């Protein structure tokens, strides 16, 4: 579903860059040429097949957007892949709101360049900031840092976008987490604690089970948690209780809204212990919750 998240940033979402045109002109010109090559069905002298009564001439609206109900057009737009949404938004004013809403419903950031570009346009374009206020899904992907320009950006992302994404519901982090994250990451993640309802961690390597706990407990109102191939560098068992700080324990007790858990263990032999440790923690959390309800 991806146009690099900056495809809609690169290709003109600024206030001065939106050029709405009517594609019906080309459709009408094509149809006119086809009629010229055949007998005119509206000509009174013509009596062949397909003759149209002159009384029906001009019964159809000239614009395509006026011939088809808007709700049908919007249903079609909802089925479009993301690469088609920006051209669709430029067809006519009636199609623009739905196409742009779907374009920004989920944003994917896969590099530092994408992140910097989005931040820069967010600060300079009120229109872009308006659409970001409707975004309900954010996918952050940064599998490797092979090039110098691919600097990590997830550390600062929650603080930068905390006030810009008030409708965020799904946060998916794919490979972008590191064992040594800057403290500002957790502080910023707390800004989303009242709105994020689904947290997904995919192919991430963390320092230990405590770091995973801190990330999960920073979003105490999640109803869906996905842990897919999460590995831990340090797999020493941690005591479930006294080793955790008070603010983490309080979040554990208040995290009662989880309804769905998607946990996939890594197939690598060296990750088996880490997967078992994560599984033990999840089971312990459930048992603790049941004890609190008893």
C-alpha atoms as a PDB file:
ATOM      1  CA  UNK A   1       0.000   0.000   0.000  1.00  0.00           C
ATOM      2  CA  UNK A   2       2.952   2.211  -0.093  1.00  0.00           C
ATOM      3  CA  UNK A   3       3.966   5.218  -2.050  1.00  0.00           C
ATOM      4  CA  UNK A   4       6.868   5.843   0.330  1.00  0.00           C
ATOM      5  CA  UNK A   5       4.651   7.982   2.501  1.00  0.00           C
ATOM      6  CA  UNK A   6       6.415  10.875   0.847  1.00  0.00           C
ATOM      7  CA  UNK A   7       4.806  10.221  -2.517  1.00  0.00           C
ATOM      8  CA  UNK A   8       1.930  12.328  -1.351  1.00  0.00           C
ATOM      9  CA  UNK A   9       4.378  14.701   0.278  1.00  0.00           C
ATOM     10  CA  UNK A  10       6.601  14.993  -2.796  1.00  0.00           C
ATOM     11  CA  UNK A  11       3.864  15.323  -5.373  1.00  0.00           C
ATOM     12  CA  UNK A  12       2.079  18.408  -4.286  1.00  0.00           C
ATOM     13  CA  UNK A  13       0.061  18.533  -1.114  1.00  0.00           C
ATOM     14  CA  UNK A  14       1.069  22.077  -0.298  1.00  0.00           C
ATOM     15  CA  UNK A  15      -1.535  24.803  -0.538  1.00  0.00           C
ATOM     16  CA  UNK A  16      -0.030  26.264  -3.678  1.00  0.00           C
ATOM     17  CA  UNK A  17       0.628  22.950  -5.363  1.00  0.00           C
ATOM     18  CA  UNK A  18      -2.850  21.483  -5.671  1.00  0.00           C
ATOM     19  CA  UNK A  19      -4.016  21.831  -9.268  1.00  0.00           C
ATOM     20  CA  UNK A  20      -7.543  20.508  -9.628  1.00  0.00           C
ATOM     21  CA  UNK A  21      -8.592  19.759 -13.193  1.00  0.00           C
ATOM     22  CA  UNK A  22     -11.674  18.244 -14.741  1.00  0.00           C
ATOM     23  CA  UNK A  23     -10.965  14.993 -16.539  1.00  0.00           C
ATOM     24  CA  UNK A  24     -14.412  15.067 -18.173  1.00  0.00           C
ATOM     25  CA  UNK A  25     -13.119  17.290 -20.997  1.00  0.00           C
ATOM     26  CA  UNK A  26     -10.967  14.492 -22.377  1.00  0.00           C
ATOM     27  CA  UNK A  27     -13.773  11.991 -21.958  1.00  0.00           C
ATOM     28  CA  UNK A  28     -16.176  14.200 -23.892  1.00  0.00           C
ATOM     29  CA  UNK A  29     -13.672  14.875 -26.676  1.00  0.00           C
ATOM     30  CA  UNK A  30     -13.052  11.154 -27.111  1.00  0.00           C
ATOM     31  CA  UNK A  31     -16.760  10.392 -27.323  1.00  0.00           C
ATOM     32  CA  UNK A  32     -17.358  13.211 -29.809  1.00  0.00           C
ATOM     33  CA  UNK A  33     -14.714  11.867 -32.168  1.00  0.00           C
ATOM     34  CA  UNK A  34     -16.360   8.463 -32.080  1.00  0.00           C
ATOM     35  CA  UNK A  35     -19.750   9.908 -33.052  1.00  0.00           C
ATOM     36  CA  UNK A  36     -18.291  11.870 -35.944  1.00  0.00           C
ATOM     37  CA  UNK A  37     -17.024   8.680 -37.556  1.00  0.00           C
ATOM     38  CA  UNK A  38     -20.505   7.147 -37.527  1.00  0.00           C
ATOM     39  CA  UNK A  39     -23.966   8.204 -38.572  1.00  0.00           C
ATOM     40  CA  UNK A  40     -25.396  10.839 -36.254  1.00  0.00           C
ATOM     41  CA  UNK A  41     -28.071   9.034 -34.172  1.00  0.00           C
ATOM     42  CA  UNK A  42     -29.724  12.382 -33.360  1.00  0.00           C
ATOM     43  CA  UNK A  43     -30.041  13.441 -37.010  1.00  0.00           C
ATOM     44  CA  UNK A  44     -33.675  13.489 -38.107  1.00  0.00           C
ATOM     45  CA  UNK A  45     -32.672  12.055 -41.482  1.00  0.00           C
ATOM     46  CA  UNK A  46     -31.135   9.005 -39.793  1.00  0.00           C
ATOM     47  CA  UNK A  47     -33.490   6.059 -39.172  1.00  0.00           C
ATOM     48  CA  UNK A  48     -31.021   3.259 -38.536  1.00  0.00           C
ATOM     49  CA  UNK A  49     -30.303   1.264 -35.366  1.00  0.00           C
ATOM     50  CA  UNK A  50     -29.542   3.213 -32.215  1.00  0.00           C
ATOM     51  CA  UNK A  51     -31.501   6.293 -33.273  1.00  0.00           C
ATOM     52  CA  UNK A  52     -31.982   8.613 -30.310  1.00  0.00           C
ATOM     53  CA  UNK A  53     -34.967  10.870 -30.068  1.00  0.00           C
ATOM     54  CA  UNK A  54     -34.142  14.572 -30.175  1.00  0.00           C
ATOM     55  CA  UNK A  55     -36.200  14.965 -27.004  1.00  0.00           C
ATOM     56  CA  UNK A  56     -33.477  13.070 -25.101  1.00  0.00           C
ATOM     57  CA  UNK A  57     -30.701  15.373 -26.283  1.00  0.00           C
ATOM     58  CA  UNK A  58     -29.013  17.090 -23.363  1.00  0.00           C
ATOM     59  CA  UNK A  59     -30.705  14.907 -20.718  1.00  0.00           C
ATOM     60  CA  UNK A  60     -27.358  13.780 -19.252  1.00  0.00           C
ATOM     61  CA  UNK A  61     -25.226  16.190 -17.209  1.00  0.00           C
ATOM     62  CA  UNK A  62     -22.081  17.218 -19.074  1.00  0.00           C
ATOM     63  CA  UNK A  63     -19.765  16.342 -16.173  1.00  0.00           C
ATOM     64  CA  UNK A  64     -19.038  12.723 -15.306  1.00  0.00           C
ATOM     65  CA  UNK A  65     -19.096  13.533 -11.578  1.00  0.00           C
ATOM     66  CA  UNK A  66     -22.710  14.693 -11.958  1.00  0.00           C
ATOM     67  CA  UNK A  67     -23.845  11.531 -13.722  1.00  0.00           C
ATOM     68  CA  UNK A  68     -22.779   9.087 -10.970  1.00  0.00           C
ATOM     69  CA  UNK A  69     -23.894   9.522  -7.336  1.00  0.00           C
ATOM     70  CA  UNK A  70     -21.083  10.707  -5.086  1.00  0.00           C
ATOM     71  CA  UNK A  71     -21.487   7.808  -2.652  1.00  0.00           C
ATOM     72  CA  UNK A  72     -20.738   5.359  -5.477  1.00  0.00           C
ATOM     73  CA  UNK A  73     -17.671   7.355  -6.488  1.00  0.00           C
ATOM     74  CA  UNK A  74     -16.457   7.341  -2.876  1.00  0.00           C
ATOM     75  CA  UNK A  75     -16.951   3.572  -2.658  1.00  0.00           C
ATOM     76  CA  UNK A  76     -14.755   3.180  -5.732  1.00  0.00           C
ATOM     77  CA  UNK A  77     -12.118   5.486  -4.221  1.00  0.00           C
ATOM     78  CA  UNK A  78     -12.129   3.375  -1.047  1.00  0.00           C
ATOM     79  CA  UNK A  79     -11.027   0.373  -3.137  1.00  0.00           C
ATOM     80  CA  UNK A  80      -8.129   2.166  -4.839  1.00  0.00           C
ATOM     81  CA  UNK A  81      -4.491   1.416  -4.103  1.00  0.00           C
ATOM     82  CA  UNK A  82      -2.605   4.299  -2.549  1.00  0.00           C
ATOM     83  CA  UNK A  83      -0.666   5.150  -5.714  1.00  0.00           C
ATOM     84  CA  UNK A  84      -3.957   6.053  -7.416  1.00  0.00           C
ATOM     85  CA  UNK A  85      -5.275   8.341  -4.696  1.00  0.00           C
ATOM     86  CA  UNK A  86      -3.282  11.473  -5.479  1.00  0.00           C
ATOM     87  CA  UNK A  87      -4.168  11.522  -9.222  1.00  0.00           C
ATOM     88  CA  UNK A  88      -7.786  10.846  -8.254  1.00  0.00           C
ATOM     89  CA  UNK A  89      -7.777  13.798  -5.870  1.00  0.00           C
ATOM     90  CA  UNK A  90      -6.740  16.049  -8.764  1.00  0.00           C
ATOM     91  CA  UNK A  91      -9.652  15.019 -11.008  1.00  0.00           C
ATOM     92  CA  UNK A  92     -12.303  17.317  -9.541  1.00  0.00           C
ATOM     93  CA  UNK A  93     -13.302  19.121  -6.353  1.00  0.00           C
ATOM     94  CA  UNK A  94     -15.967  16.535  -5.498  1.00  0.00           C
ATOM     95  CA  UNK A  95     -13.435  13.674  -5.434  1.00  0.00           C
ATOM     96  CA  UNK A  96     -10.714  15.563  -3.584  1.00  0.00           C
ATOM     97  CA  UNK A  97     -11.866  15.173   0.075  1.00  0.00           C
ATOM     98  CA  UNK A  98     -12.356  11.397  -0.005  1.00  0.00           C
ATOM     99  CA  UNK A  99      -9.187  10.692  -1.986  1.00  0.00           C
ATOM    100  CA  UNK A 100      -7.024  12.853   0.272  1.00  0.00           C
ATOM    101  CA  UNK A 101      -8.591  11.413   3.418  1.00  0.00           C
ATOM    102  CA  UNK A 102      -7.757   7.887   2.263  1.00  0.00           C
ATOM    103  CA  UNK A 103      -4.283   8.988   1.177  1.00  0.00           C
ATOM    104  CA  UNK A 104      -3.438  10.137   4.692  1.00  0.00           C
ATOM    105  CA  UNK A 105      -5.434   7.537   6.612  1.00  0.00           C
ATOM    106  CA  UNK A 106      -2.248   5.482   7.008  1.00  0.00           C
ATOM    107  CA  UNK A 107       1.262   6.885   6.683  1.00  0.00           C
ATOM    108  CA  UNK A 108       4.386   4.798   6.212  1.00  0.00           C
ATOM    109  CA  UNK A 109       7.840   6.191   6.988  1.00  0.00           C
ATOM    110  CA  UNK A 110      10.723   4.018   5.864  1.00  0.00           C
ATOM    111  CA  UNK A 111      13.752   6.323   5.988  1.00  0.00           C
ATOM    112  CA  UNK A 112      15.178   9.414   7.597  1.00  0.00           C
ATOM    113  CA  UNK A 113      14.623  11.285   4.329  1.00  0.00           C
ATOM    114  CA  UNK A 114      10.884  10.531   4.412  1.00  0.00           C
ATOM    115  CA  UNK A 115      10.700  11.575   8.032  1.00  0.00           C
ATOM    116  CA  UNK A 116      12.554  14.873   7.499  1.00  0.00           C
ATOM    117  CA  UNK A 117      10.448  15.721   4.460  1.00  0.00           C
ATOM    118  CA  UNK A 118       7.192  15.072   6.280  1.00  0.00           C
ATOM    119  CA  UNK A 119       8.281  17.138   9.288  1.00  0.00           C
ATOM    120  CA  UNK A 120       9.349  20.039   7.069  1.00  0.00           C
ATOM    121  CA  UNK A 121       6.067  20.104   5.157  1.00  0.00           C
ATOM    122  CA  UNK A 122       4.069  19.647   8.339  1.00  0.00           C
ATOM    123  CA  UNK A 123       5.589  22.882   9.649  1.00  0.00           C
ATOM    124  CA  UNK A 124       5.051  24.868   6.455  1.00  0.00           C
ATOM    125  CA  UNK A 125       1.746  23.569   5.067  1.00  0.00           C
ATOM    126  CA  UNK A 126      -1.454  24.126   7.083  1.00  0.00           C
ATOM    127  CA  UNK A 127      -3.317  21.947   4.588  1.00  0.00           C
ATOM    128  CA  UNK A 128      -0.989  19.007   5.183  1.00  0.00           C
ATOM    129  CA  UNK A 129      -1.314  19.455   8.931  1.00  0.00           C
ATOM    130  CA  UNK A 130      -5.076  19.368   8.512  1.00  0.00           C
ATOM    131  CA  UNK A 131      -4.935  16.007   6.750  1.00  0.00           C
ATOM    132  CA  UNK A 132      -2.481  14.601   9.293  1.00  0.00           C
ATOM    133  CA  UNK A 133      -5.068  15.335  11.976  1.00  0.00           C
ATOM    134  CA  UNK A 134      -7.213  12.594  10.376  1.00  0.00           C
ATOM    135  CA  UNK A 135      -4.459   9.950  10.200  1.00  0.00           C
ATOM    136  CA  UNK A 136      -5.353   6.836  12.189  1.00  0.00           C
ATOM    137  CA  UNK A 137      -2.424   4.575  11.255  1.00  0.00           C
ATOM    138  CA  UNK A 138       1.351   5.107  11.391  1.00  0.00           C
ATOM    139  CA  UNK A 139       3.845   2.507  10.145  1.00  0.00           C
ATOM    140  CA  UNK A 140       7.519   3.111  10.877  1.00  0.00           C
ATOM    141  CA  UNK A 141       9.922   0.863   8.981  1.00  0.00           C
ATOM    142  CA  UNK A 142      13.694   1.017   9.196  1.00  0.00           C
ATOM    143  CA  UNK A 143      15.187  -2.421   8.853  1.00  0.00           C
ATOM    144  CA  UNK A 144      18.865  -1.436   8.571  1.00  0.00           C
ATOM    145  CA  UNK A 145      21.165   1.561   8.846  1.00  0.00           C
ATOM    146  CA  UNK A 146      23.605   0.687   6.087  1.00  0.00           C
ATOM    147  CA  UNK A 147      24.063   4.234   4.820  1.00  0.00           C
ATOM    148  CA  UNK A 148      25.128   7.283   6.766  1.00  0.00           C
ATOM    149  CA  UNK A 149      22.065   9.216   5.626  1.00  0.00           C
ATOM    150  CA  UNK A 150      19.788   6.552   7.129  1.00  0.00           C
ATOM    151  CA  UNK A 151      20.066   7.971  10.618  1.00  0.00           C
ATOM    152  CA  UNK A 152      17.568   6.695  13.183  1.00  0.00           C
ATOM    153  CA  UNK A 153      14.504   8.909  13.560  1.00  0.00           C
ATOM    154  CA  UNK A 154      12.092   6.884  15.690  1.00  0.00           C
ATOM    155  CA  UNK A 155      13.572   8.313  18.901  1.00  0.00           C
ATOM    156  CA  UNK A 156      12.185  11.778  18.198  1.00  0.00           C
ATOM    157  CA  UNK A 157       9.059  10.805  16.260  1.00  0.00           C
ATOM    158  CA  UNK A 158       6.568  10.539  19.170  1.00  0.00           C
ATOM    159  CA  UNK A 159       7.478  13.955  20.574  1.00  0.00           C
ATOM    160  CA  UNK A 160       7.420  15.622  17.144  1.00  0.00           C
ATOM    161  CA  UNK A 161       4.033  14.218  16.103  1.00  0.00           C
ATOM    162  CA  UNK A 162       2.295  14.046  19.490  1.00  0.00           C
ATOM    163  CA  UNK A 163       0.110  17.100  18.794  1.00  0.00           C
ATOM    164  CA  UNK A 164      -0.161  16.519  15.035  1.00  0.00           C
ATOM    165  CA  UNK A 165      -1.761  13.033  15.091  1.00  0.00           C
ATOM    166  CA  UNK A 166      -4.703  13.336  17.486  1.00  0.00           C
ATOM    167  CA  UNK A 167      -6.644  10.593  15.689  1.00  0.00           C
ATOM    168  CA  UNK A 168      -3.843   7.995  15.702  1.00  0.00           C
ATOM    169  CA  UNK A 169      -5.145   4.551  16.618  1.00  0.00           C
ATOM    170  CA  UNK A 170      -2.662   2.063  15.156  1.00  0.00           C
ATOM    171  CA  UNK A 171       1.103   2.308  15.685  1.00  0.00           C
ATOM    172  CA  UNK A 172       3.230  -0.281  13.899  1.00  0.00           C
ATOM    173  CA  UNK A 173       7.015  -0.372  14.335  1.00  0.00           C
ATOM    174  CA  UNK A 174       8.898  -2.645  11.956  1.00  0.00           C
ATOM    175  CA  UNK A 175      12.597  -3.049  12.626  1.00  0.00           C
ATOM    176  CA  UNK A 176      13.076   0.542  13.765  1.00  0.00           C
ATOM    177  CA  UNK A 177      13.472  -0.145  17.488  1.00  0.00           C
ATOM    178  CA  UNK A 178      17.000  -0.479  18.859  1.00  0.00           C
ATOM    179  CA  UNK A 179      18.374  -1.850  22.125  1.00  0.00           C
ATOM    180  CA  UNK A 180      19.585   1.647  23.108  1.00  0.00           C
ATOM    181  CA  UNK A 181      16.760   4.079  22.359  1.00  0.00           C
ATOM    182  CA  UNK A 182      16.984   7.708  23.471  1.00  0.00           C
ATOM    183  CA  UNK A 183      14.944   8.398  26.645  1.00  0.00           C
ATOM    184  CA  UNK A 184      12.854  10.897  24.682  1.00  0.00           C
ATOM    185  CA  UNK A 185      11.242   7.996  22.823  1.00  0.00           C
ATOM    186  CA  UNK A 186       9.417   6.660  25.862  1.00  0.00           C
ATOM    187  CA  UNK A 187       8.558  10.172  27.028  1.00  0.00           C
ATOM    188  CA  UNK A 188       7.052  10.934  23.646  1.00  0.00           C
ATOM    189  CA  UNK A 189       5.264   7.598  23.474  1.00  0.00           C
ATOM    190  CA  UNK A 190       3.413   8.517  26.650  1.00  0.00           C
ATOM    191  CA  UNK A 191       1.801  11.380  24.725  1.00  0.00           C
ATOM    192  CA  UNK A 192      -0.104   8.780  22.675  1.00  0.00           C
ATOM    193  CA  UNK A 193      -1.232   6.715  25.666  1.00  0.00           C
ATOM    194  CA  UNK A 194      -4.846   7.902  25.531  1.00  0.00           C
ATOM    195  CA  UNK A 195      -5.403   7.391  21.796  1.00  0.00           C
ATOM    196  CA  UNK A 196      -3.364   4.401  20.552  1.00  0.00           C
ATOM    197  CA  UNK A 197      -5.516   1.268  20.611  1.00  0.00           C
ATOM    198  CA  UNK A 198      -3.283  -1.095  18.602  1.00  0.00           C
ATOM    199  CA  UNK A 199       0.487  -1.530  19.004  1.00  0.00           C
ATOM    200  CA  UNK A 200       2.468  -3.808  16.697  1.00  0.00           C
ATOM    201  CA  UNK A 201       6.174  -4.565  16.988  1.00  0.00           C
ATOM    202  CA  UNK A 202       7.656  -6.498  14.070  1.00  0.00           C
ATOM    203  CA  UNK A 203      11.236  -7.790  13.671  1.00  0.00           C
ATOM    204  CA  UNK A 204      12.685  -5.624  16.441  1.00  0.00           C
ATOM    205  CA  UNK A 205      15.709  -6.298  18.636  1.00  0.00           C
ATOM    206  CA  UNK A 206      15.489  -4.976  22.191  1.00  0.00           C
ATOM    207  CA  UNK A 207      17.943  -4.919  25.045  1.00  0.00           C
ATOM    208  CA  UNK A 208      15.902  -6.978  27.502  1.00  0.00           C
ATOM    209  CA  UNK A 209      12.402  -7.786  28.661  1.00  0.00           C
ATOM    210  CA  UNK A 210      12.263  -4.585  30.687  1.00  0.00           C
ATOM    211  CA  UNK A 211      12.574  -2.437  27.572  1.00  0.00           C
ATOM    212  CA  UNK A 212       9.686  -4.331  25.992  1.00  0.00           C
ATOM    213  CA  UNK A 213       7.588  -3.831  29.107  1.00  0.00           C
ATOM    214  CA  UNK A 214       8.254  -0.114  29.131  1.00  0.00           C
ATOM    215  CA  UNK A 215       7.131   0.243  25.503  1.00  0.00           C
ATOM    216  CA  UNK A 216       3.950  -1.781  26.017  1.00  0.00           C
ATOM    217  CA  UNK A 217       3.046  -0.108  29.314  1.00  0.00           C
ATOM    218  CA  UNK A 218       3.474   3.322  27.725  1.00  0.00           C
ATOM    219  CA  UNK A 219       0.210   2.578  25.860  1.00  0.00           C
ATOM    220  CA  UNK A 220      -2.050   1.316  28.650  1.00  0.00           C
ATOM    221  CA  UNK A 221      -5.282   1.546  26.651  1.00  0.00           C
ATOM    222  CA  UNK A 222      -4.357  -0.720  23.751  1.00  0.00           C
ATOM    223  CA  UNK A 223      -6.902  -3.349  22.798  1.00  0.00           C
ATOM    224  CA  UNK A 224      -4.636  -5.102  20.290  1.00  0.00           C
ATOM    225  CA  UNK A 225      -0.995  -6.066  20.813  1.00  0.00           C
ATOM    226  CA  UNK A 226       1.132  -7.667  18.127  1.00  0.00           C
ATOM    227  CA  UNK A 227       4.609  -9.070  18.851  1.00  0.00           C
ATOM    228  CA  UNK A 228       6.103 -10.598  15.727  1.00  0.00           C
ATOM    229  CA  UNK A 229       9.680 -11.917  15.907  1.00  0.00           C
ATOM    230  CA  UNK A 230      10.740  -9.769  18.855  1.00  0.00           C
ATOM    231  CA  UNK A 231      14.248 -10.674  20.017  1.00  0.00           C
ATOM    232  CA  UNK A 232      16.081  -9.801  23.214  1.00  0.00           C
ATOM    233  CA  UNK A 233      19.843  -9.342  23.468  1.00  0.00           C
ATOM    234  CA  UNK A 234      19.950 -10.021  27.200  1.00  0.00           C
ATOM    235  CA  UNK A 235      17.738 -12.923  28.197  1.00  0.00           C
ATOM    236  CA  UNK A 236      18.493 -13.137  31.911  1.00  0.00           C
ATOM    237  CA  UNK A 237      15.215 -13.785  33.761  1.00  0.00           C
ATOM    238  CA  UNK A 238      13.745 -10.786  35.526  1.00  0.00           C
ATOM    239  CA  UNK A 239      11.771 -11.052  38.760  1.00  0.00           C
ATOM    240  CA  UNK A 240       8.140 -10.227  38.085  1.00  0.00           C
ATOM    241  CA  UNK A 241       7.425  -7.598  40.704  1.00  0.00           C
ATOM    242  CA  UNK A 242      10.059  -5.945  42.815  1.00  0.00           C
ATOM    243  CA  UNK A 243      12.439  -5.415  39.904  1.00  0.00           C
ATOM    244  CA  UNK A 244       9.937  -3.160  38.162  1.00  0.00           C
ATOM    245  CA  UNK A 245       9.462   0.445  39.106  1.00  0.00           C
ATOM    246  CA  UNK A 246       6.274   1.683  40.704  1.00  0.00           C
ATOM    247  CA  UNK A 247       5.000   3.530  37.628  1.00  0.00           C
ATOM    248  CA  UNK A 248       5.358   0.375  35.516  1.00  0.00           C
ATOM    249  CA  UNK A 249       3.526  -1.762  38.087  1.00  0.00           C
ATOM    250  CA  UNK A 250       0.663   0.713  38.235  1.00  0.00           C
ATOM    251  CA  UNK A 251       0.284   0.616  34.466  1.00  0.00           C
ATOM    252  CA  UNK A 252       0.236  -3.166  34.589  1.00  0.00           C
ATOM    253  CA  UNK A 253      -2.691  -3.116  36.962  1.00  0.00           C
ATOM    254  CA  UNK A 254      -4.592  -0.569  34.891  1.00  0.00           C
ATOM    255  CA  UNK A 255      -4.018  -2.267  31.515  1.00  0.00           C
ATOM    256  CA  UNK A 256      -7.291  -4.187  31.396  1.00  0.00           C
ATOM    257  CA  UNK A 257      -8.469  -3.292  27.892  1.00  0.00           C
ATOM    258  CA  UNK A 258      -6.406  -5.808  25.862  1.00  0.00           C
ATOM    259  CA  UNK A 259      -8.713  -7.893  23.674  1.00  0.00           C
ATOM    260  CA  UNK A 260      -6.395  -9.366  21.039  1.00  0.00           C
ATOM    261  CA  UNK A 261      -2.853 -10.712  21.260  1.00  0.00           C
ATOM    262  CA  UNK A 262      -0.845 -11.752  18.203  1.00  0.00           C
ATOM    263  CA  UNK A 263       2.410 -13.371  19.298  1.00  0.00           C
ATOM    264  CA  UNK A 264       4.722 -15.038  16.792  1.00  0.00           C
ATOM    265  CA  UNK A 265       7.923 -16.620  18.052  1.00  0.00           C
ATOM    266  CA  UNK A 266      11.128 -16.403  16.070  1.00  0.00           C
ATOM    267  CA  UNK A 267      12.224 -19.584  14.307  1.00  0.00           C
ATOM    268  CA  UNK A 268      15.901 -18.868  14.978  1.00  0.00           C
ATOM    269  CA  UNK A 269      17.475 -21.161  17.531  1.00  0.00           C
ATOM    270  CA  UNK A 270      19.276 -18.323  19.318  1.00  0.00           C
ATOM    271  CA  UNK A 271      15.933 -16.516  19.768  1.00  0.00           C
ATOM    272  CA  UNK A 272      14.097 -19.362  21.453  1.00  0.00           C
ATOM    273  CA  UNK A 273      15.032 -18.248  24.958  1.00  0.00           C
ATOM    274  CA  UNK A 274      13.973 -14.675  24.243  1.00  0.00           C
ATOM    275  CA  UNK A 275      10.636 -15.872  22.870  1.00  0.00           C
ATOM    276  CA  UNK A 276      10.083 -18.043  25.927  1.00  0.00           C
ATOM    277  CA  UNK A 277      10.872 -15.088  28.181  1.00  0.00           C
ATOM    278  CA  UNK A 278       8.356 -12.900  26.368  1.00  0.00           C
ATOM    279  CA  UNK A 279       5.762 -15.668  26.544  1.00  0.00           C
ATOM    280  CA  UNK A 280       6.350 -16.089  30.280  1.00  0.00           C
ATOM    281  CA  UNK A 281       5.870 -12.379  30.831  1.00  0.00           C
ATOM    282  CA  UNK A 282       2.621 -12.359  28.866  1.00  0.00           C
ATOM    283  CA  UNK A 283       1.286 -15.331  30.823  1.00  0.00           C
ATOM    284  CA  UNK A 284       2.311 -13.730  34.087  1.00  0.00           C
ATOM    285  CA  UNK A 285       0.530 -10.508  33.120  1.00  0.00           C
ATOM    286  CA  UNK A 286      -2.678 -12.433  32.412  1.00  0.00           C
ATOM    287  CA  UNK A 287      -2.461 -14.301  35.710  1.00  0.00           C
ATOM    288  CA  UNK A 288      -1.848 -11.070  37.578  1.00  0.00           C
ATOM    289  CA  UNK A 289      -4.875  -9.498  35.913  1.00  0.00           C
ATOM    290  CA  UNK A 290      -7.044 -12.460  36.888  1.00  0.00           C
ATOM    291  CA  UNK A 291      -5.863 -12.170  40.486  1.00  0.00           C
ATOM    292  CA  UNK A 292      -6.824  -8.506  40.528  1.00  0.00           C
ATOM    293  CA  UNK A 293     -10.308  -9.378  39.279  1.00  0.00           C
ATOM    294  CA  UNK A 294     -10.781 -12.139  41.858  1.00  0.00           C
END
